[in-house]
Amino acid sequence: MSTPEQAAPTSSSTASAPVRVVVIEDEPTITRAIADRLTAEGWEVSTAGDGPSGVRAVAEMRPDVVVLDVMLPGFDGLEVCRRIQADEPVPVLMLTARDDETDMLVGLGVGADDYMTKPFSMRELVARLKALLRRVRRTAPVAPSEQEKQVALQIGDLVIDRAGRRVMRAGLPAHLTPTEFDLLLCLANAPGTVLTREQLLADVWDWVDATGTRTVDSHVKALRRKLGADLVRTVHGVGYALEIPEEDDPEQPAPAGDGVSSPAAGADPRSTS
């Protein structure tokens, strides 16, 4: 289903180019409700009811954002996400019927930027989609300075190429989703500083109402899985901080014995042969 452009587009779109969105959902009631709500926003909506037709709809429309259900006939939403992201990256918000963190992490791992658990409010769905679009438009046009082009952000063995949006740790590349990269960069801009979940939602996801803190938790777990469990420290009840463990000084002498016990009190460490 395609809908005509509305006469008065919202601030998320322009008069000449309304926001294009593909909704891939196999429940007709939910599909109709989402399409009607987004059409009321002045967006151009196309829908699909299964995996194969969803992939085709994205290829034909080249949308600005995709709403994607996990459970689909044909092949599931995870496979849809893999295929459309391999063709040309596009912001994806996944819908899941289960509040299963494993499913969420898998979805984020194949390229989804955000997820919502059914049932959900249309108001929150629209708010999250608009936040995704703001993030894309906020980061894409900004040309890095000459200094940023030549100097990557390095913290310990973590290297973040802001201009190329590439990340390496211990010399090995890490393949991050756009949201994971933005989250890592936000933490890396203030290493050692604890940022609250609400701060991260506002800075990375552009959610001014600061709801859905489990989204932050799931993305942090995805970062740890890709870059190491020691990368981000959890401050329970507060938020997260980026902390890279200090490397051992290679010029310091190795400890005696098994490297665990300490010298006896008062002993001169220089007396060891």
Protein backbone atom coordinates (compact mmCIF):
# COMPACT_ATOMS: atom_id res chain seq x y z
CA MET A 1 0.00 0.00 0.00
CA SER A 2 1.35 3.36 -0.93
CA THR A 3 -0.15 6.62 0.24
CA PRO A 4 0.02 10.05 -1.43
CA GLU A 5 2.08 12.85 -0.06
CA GLN A 6 0.26 14.99 2.49
CA ALA A 7 -0.20 18.70 1.99
CA ALA A 8 1.44 19.67 5.28
CA PRO A 9 4.45 17.50 6.06
CA THR A 10 5.88 17.47 9.55
CA SER A 11 9.25 18.83 10.54
CA SER A 12 10.67 15.36 9.82
CA SER A 13 10.13 15.84 6.12
CA THR A 14 10.30 18.48 3.46
CA ALA A 15 7.65 19.67 1.02
CA SER A 16 9.43 18.10 -1.92
CA ALA A 17 10.48 14.84 -0.27
CA PRO A 18 8.31 13.32 2.44
CA VAL A 19 9.82 10.69 4.67
CA ARG A 20 9.60 7.28 3.01
CA VAL A 21 8.96 4.31 5.29
CA VAL A 22 8.43 0.60 4.65
CA VAL A 23 6.39 -1.31 7.23
CA ILE A 24 7.01 -5.07 7.14
CA GLU A 25 4.43 -6.73 9.39
CA ASP A 26 2.23 -9.81 8.88
CA GLU A 27 -0.63 -8.78 11.18
CA PRO A 28 -3.04 -6.68 9.08
CA THR A 29 -4.49 -4.83 12.07
CA ILE A 30 -1.10 -3.67 13.25
CA THR A 31 0.01 -2.85 9.71
CA ARG A 32 -3.04 -0.68 9.10
CA ALA A 33 -2.66 1.13 12.45
CA ILE A 34 1.02 1.92 11.81
CA ALA A 35 0.41 2.97 8.20
CA ASP A 36 -2.49 5.24 9.16
CA ARG A 37 -0.50 6.88 11.95
CA LEU A 38 2.56 7.50 9.80
CA THR A 39 0.44 8.74 6.90
CA ALA A 40 -1.05 11.29 9.32
CA GLU A 41 2.51 12.49 9.89
CA GLY A 42 2.81 13.26 6.18
CA TRP A 43 5.02 10.26 5.47
CA GLU A 44 4.91 8.08 2.39
CA VAL A 45 4.19 4.51 3.50
CA SER A 46 4.62 1.17 1.76
CA THR A 47 3.75 -2.12 3.46
CA ALA A 48 4.66 -5.79 3.09
CA GLY A 49 3.33 -8.87 4.86
CA ASP A 50 6.22 -11.35 4.60
CA GLY A 51 10.00 -11.52 4.37
CA PRO A 52 10.52 -11.80 0.60
CA SER A 53 8.04 -9.05 -0.26
CA GLY A 54 9.57 -6.87 2.46
CA VAL A 55 13.01 -7.13 0.89
CA ARG A 56 11.52 -6.28 -2.50
CA ALA A 57 9.61 -3.29 -1.09
CA VAL A 58 12.80 -1.87 0.43
CA ALA A 59 14.71 -2.37 -2.83
CA GLU A 60 11.99 -0.62 -4.83
CA MET A 61 11.21 2.27 -2.48
CA ARG A 62 14.65 3.00 -1.00
CA PRO A 63 13.03 4.19 2.24
CA ASP A 64 14.43 6.55 4.84
CA VAL A 65 13.49 4.14 7.63
CA VAL A 66 12.05 0.62 8.02
CA VAL A 67 9.65 -0.78 10.63
CA LEU A 68 10.30 -4.52 10.74
CA ASP A 69 8.54 -7.31 12.63
CA VAL A 70 10.73 -10.21 13.79
CA MET A 71 8.22 -13.01 13.20
CA LEU A 72 7.35 -13.10 9.50
CA PRO A 73 6.32 -15.78 7.00
CA GLY A 74 8.71 -16.64 4.18
CA PHE A 75 11.79 -15.80 6.23
CA ASP A 76 11.97 -13.91 9.49
CA GLY A 77 12.77 -10.29 10.19
CA LEU A 78 16.36 -11.06 11.14
CA GLU A 79 17.02 -12.40 7.64
CA VAL A 80 15.19 -9.43 6.14
CA CYS A 81 17.42 -7.10 8.14
CA ARG A 82 20.58 -8.91 7.02
CA ARG A 83 19.59 -8.66 3.37
CA ILE A 84 18.51 -5.04 3.31
CA GLN A 85 21.54 -3.88 5.29
CA ALA A 86 23.86 -5.78 2.95
CA ASP A 87 22.33 -3.97 -0.02
CA GLU A 88 22.29 -0.43 1.33
CA PRO A 89 22.28 0.46 5.05
CA VAL A 90 19.00 1.95 6.27
CA PRO A 91 17.75 2.73 9.79
CA VAL A 92 15.63 -0.17 11.07
CA LEU A 93 13.29 -0.32 14.05
CA MET A 94 12.38 -3.92 14.88
CA LEU A 95 9.14 -5.07 16.49
CA THR A 96 9.12 -8.18 18.66
CA ALA A 97 6.26 -9.96 20.41
CA ARG A 98 8.58 -11.24 23.13
CA ASP A 99 10.53 -9.25 25.68
CA ASP A 100 13.47 -11.59 25.14
CA GLU A 101 16.87 -9.97 25.50
CA THR A 102 18.52 -12.64 23.36
CA ASP A 103 16.21 -11.81 20.45
CA MET A 104 16.96 -8.12 20.94
CA LEU A 105 20.72 -8.65 20.90
CA VAL A 106 20.47 -10.80 17.77
CA GLY A 107 18.38 -8.09 16.09
CA LEU A 108 20.90 -5.41 16.99
CA GLY A 109 23.67 -7.70 15.76
CA VAL A 110 22.22 -7.96 12.24
CA GLY A 111 21.93 -4.20 11.85
CA ALA A 112 18.77 -3.01 13.60
CA ASP A 113 19.09 0.39 15.25
CA ASP A 114 16.28 0.07 17.76
CA TYR A 115 13.50 -2.27 18.83
CA MET A 116 10.09 -2.14 20.48
CA THR A 117 8.19 -4.90 22.25
CA LYS A 118 4.53 -5.45 21.43
CA PRO A 119 2.15 -4.08 22.51
CA PHE A 120 3.39 -0.53 22.02
CA SER A 121 1.91 2.93 21.73
CA MET A 122 1.77 4.60 18.34
CA ARG A 123 2.96 7.81 19.96
CA GLU A 124 6.18 6.15 21.13
CA LEU A 125 6.66 4.44 17.77
CA VAL A 126 6.49 7.75 15.94
CA ALA A 127 8.79 9.39 18.50
CA ARG A 128 11.41 6.69 18.07
CA LEU A 129 11.25 6.80 14.28
CA LYS A 130 11.65 10.58 14.31
CA ALA A 131 14.61 10.21 16.66
CA LEU A 132 16.23 7.74 14.26
CA LEU A 133 15.75 10.15 11.37
CA ARG A 134 17.14 13.08 13.36
CA ARG A 135 20.23 11.06 14.18
CA VAL A 136 20.80 10.16 10.54
CA ARG A 137 20.39 13.74 9.41
CA ARG A 138 22.48 15.07 12.28
CA THR A 139 25.51 12.88 11.60
CA ALA A 140 25.51 12.35 7.83
CA PRO A 141 26.02 15.94 6.56
CA VAL A 142 28.73 16.87 9.07
CA ALA A 143 32.10 16.87 7.38
CA PRO A 144 34.95 16.08 9.76
CA SER A 145 37.59 18.72 10.29
CA GLU A 146 41.04 18.23 8.81
CA GLN A 147 42.34 17.44 12.29
CA GLU A 148 39.70 14.76 12.81
CA LYS A 149 40.53 13.27 9.43
CA GLN A 150 44.13 12.78 10.49
CA VAL A 151 43.82 12.15 14.22
CA ALA A 152 41.70 9.24 15.37
CA LEU A 153 40.40 9.08 18.92
CA GLN A 154 42.57 6.59 20.83
CA ILE A 155 42.00 5.34 24.36
CA GLY A 156 44.31 2.53 25.36
CA ASP A 157 44.11 -0.12 22.66
CA LEU A 158 40.78 1.26 21.38
CA VAL A 159 40.98 3.37 18.21
CA ILE A 160 37.93 5.21 16.86
CA ASP A 161 38.14 6.71 13.37
CA ARG A 162 35.43 9.36 13.58
CA ALA A 163 35.68 10.41 9.94
CA GLY A 164 35.53 6.87 8.57
CA ARG A 165 33.27 5.57 11.37
CA ARG A 166 35.61 2.62 11.92
CA VAL A 167 36.68 1.02 15.18
CA MET A 168 39.65 -1.16 16.10
CA ARG A 169 40.66 -2.72 19.36
CA ALA A 170 44.04 -4.34 19.93
CA GLY A 171 44.65 -3.96 16.21
CA LEU A 172 41.55 -5.90 15.22
CA PRO A 173 38.62 -4.25 13.39
CA ALA A 174 35.16 -4.36 14.96
CA HIS A 175 32.05 -4.17 12.83
CA LEU A 176 29.57 -1.94 14.67
CA THR A 177 26.10 -0.85 13.69
CA PRO A 178 25.57 2.92 13.32
CA THR A 179 23.89 3.06 16.74
CA GLU A 180 26.65 1.07 18.40
CA PHE A 181 29.25 3.40 16.89
CA ASP A 182 27.39 6.49 18.13
CA LEU A 183 27.05 5.00 21.61
CA LEU A 184 30.73 4.09 21.76
CA LEU A 185 31.78 7.53 20.56
CA CYS A 186 29.53 9.20 23.14
CA LEU A 187 31.15 7.19 25.94
CA ALA A 188 34.64 7.66 24.49
CA ASN A 189 34.26 11.45 24.38
CA ALA A 190 34.25 11.37 28.20
CA PRO A 191 36.34 8.32 29.19
CA GLY A 192 36.01 7.36 32.84
CA THR A 193 32.95 9.57 33.27
CA VAL A 194 29.72 7.86 34.26
CA LEU A 195 26.90 8.78 31.88
CA THR A 196 23.37 8.04 32.97
CA ARG A 197 21.04 6.01 30.79
CA GLU A 198 18.91 9.13 30.40
CA GLN A 199 21.93 11.10 29.15
CA LEU A 200 22.78 8.39 26.66
CA LEU A 201 19.20 8.19 25.41
CA ALA A 202 19.17 11.94 24.88
CA ASP A 203 22.62 12.17 23.25
CA VAL A 204 22.65 8.98 21.14
CA TRP A 205 19.00 8.25 20.46
CA ASP A 206 17.77 11.85 20.72
CA TRP A 207 14.94 10.77 23.01
CA VAL A 208 14.12 13.85 25.01
CA ASP A 209 11.52 12.00 27.08
CA ALA A 210 14.21 9.51 28.23
CA THR A 211 12.15 6.34 28.13
CA GLY A 212 13.15 2.81 27.27
CA THR A 213 16.41 2.47 29.19
CA ARG A 214 16.61 -1.25 28.33
CA THR A 215 17.55 -0.14 24.84
CA VAL A 216 20.75 1.34 26.27
CA ASP A 217 21.46 -1.83 28.24
CA SER A 218 21.04 -4.05 25.18
CA HIS A 219 23.33 -1.90 23.04
CA VAL A 220 25.99 -1.86 25.77
CA LYS A 221 25.88 -5.66 25.87
CA ALA A 222 26.30 -5.71 22.09
CA LEU A 223 29.37 -3.46 22.41
CA ARG A 224 30.85 -5.72 25.06
CA ARG A 225 30.29 -8.77 22.90
CA LYS A 226 32.11 -7.16 19.96
CA LEU A 227 34.85 -5.24 21.77
CA GLY A 228 35.37 -7.04 25.06
CA ALA A 229 33.51 -7.41 28.33
CA ASP A 230 35.94 -5.03 30.08
CA LEU A 231 35.19 -2.10 27.76
CA VAL A 232 32.23 -0.50 29.54
CA ARG A 233 31.84 -0.37 33.31
CA THR A 234 28.35 -0.58 34.79
CA VAL A 235 27.51 1.71 37.69
CA HIS A 236 24.40 0.08 39.10
CA GLY A 237 21.45 2.38 39.38
CA VAL A 238 23.26 5.14 37.48
CA GLY A 239 24.65 4.28 34.05
CA TYR A 240 27.85 3.40 32.20
CA ALA A 241 31.43 4.57 31.76
CA LEU A 242 34.08 3.71 29.19
CA GLU A 243 37.20 2.38 30.88
CA ILE A 244 40.06 0.74 29.01
CA PRO A 245 42.31 -1.30 31.32
CA GLU A 246 45.82 0.09 31.51
CA GLU A 247 48.42 -2.00 29.74
CA ASP A 248 51.33 -3.34 31.75
CA ASP A 249 54.50 -1.29 31.39
CA PRO A 250 56.86 -3.51 29.38
CA GLU A 251 59.88 -1.80 30.96
CA GLN A 252 58.85 -2.82 34.48
CA PRO A 253 60.52 -6.03 35.71
CA ALA A 254 58.31 -9.10 35.89
CA PRO A 255 57.27 -10.04 39.43
CA ALA A 256 59.08 -12.92 41.05
CA GLY A 257 57.53 -16.35 41.31
CA ASP A 258 54.14 -16.87 39.76
CA GLY A 259 53.42 -13.18 39.46
CA VAL A 260 50.67 -13.26 42.09
CA SER A 261 52.37 -12.98 45.46
CA SER A 262 53.83 -9.68 46.64
CA PRO A 263 57.31 -9.17 48.09
CA ALA A 264 57.50 -9.50 51.83
CA ALA A 265 57.12 -6.32 53.80
CA GLY A 266 60.35 -4.41 54.03
CA ALA A 267 62.08 -6.47 51.37
CA ASP A 268 64.10 -4.62 48.77
CA PRO A 269 62.63 -5.50 45.37
CA ARG A 270 66.05 -4.79 43.76
CA SER A 271 67.63 -7.66 45.65
CA THR A 272 66.13 -10.31 43.38
CA SER A 273 68.56 -11.77 40.85
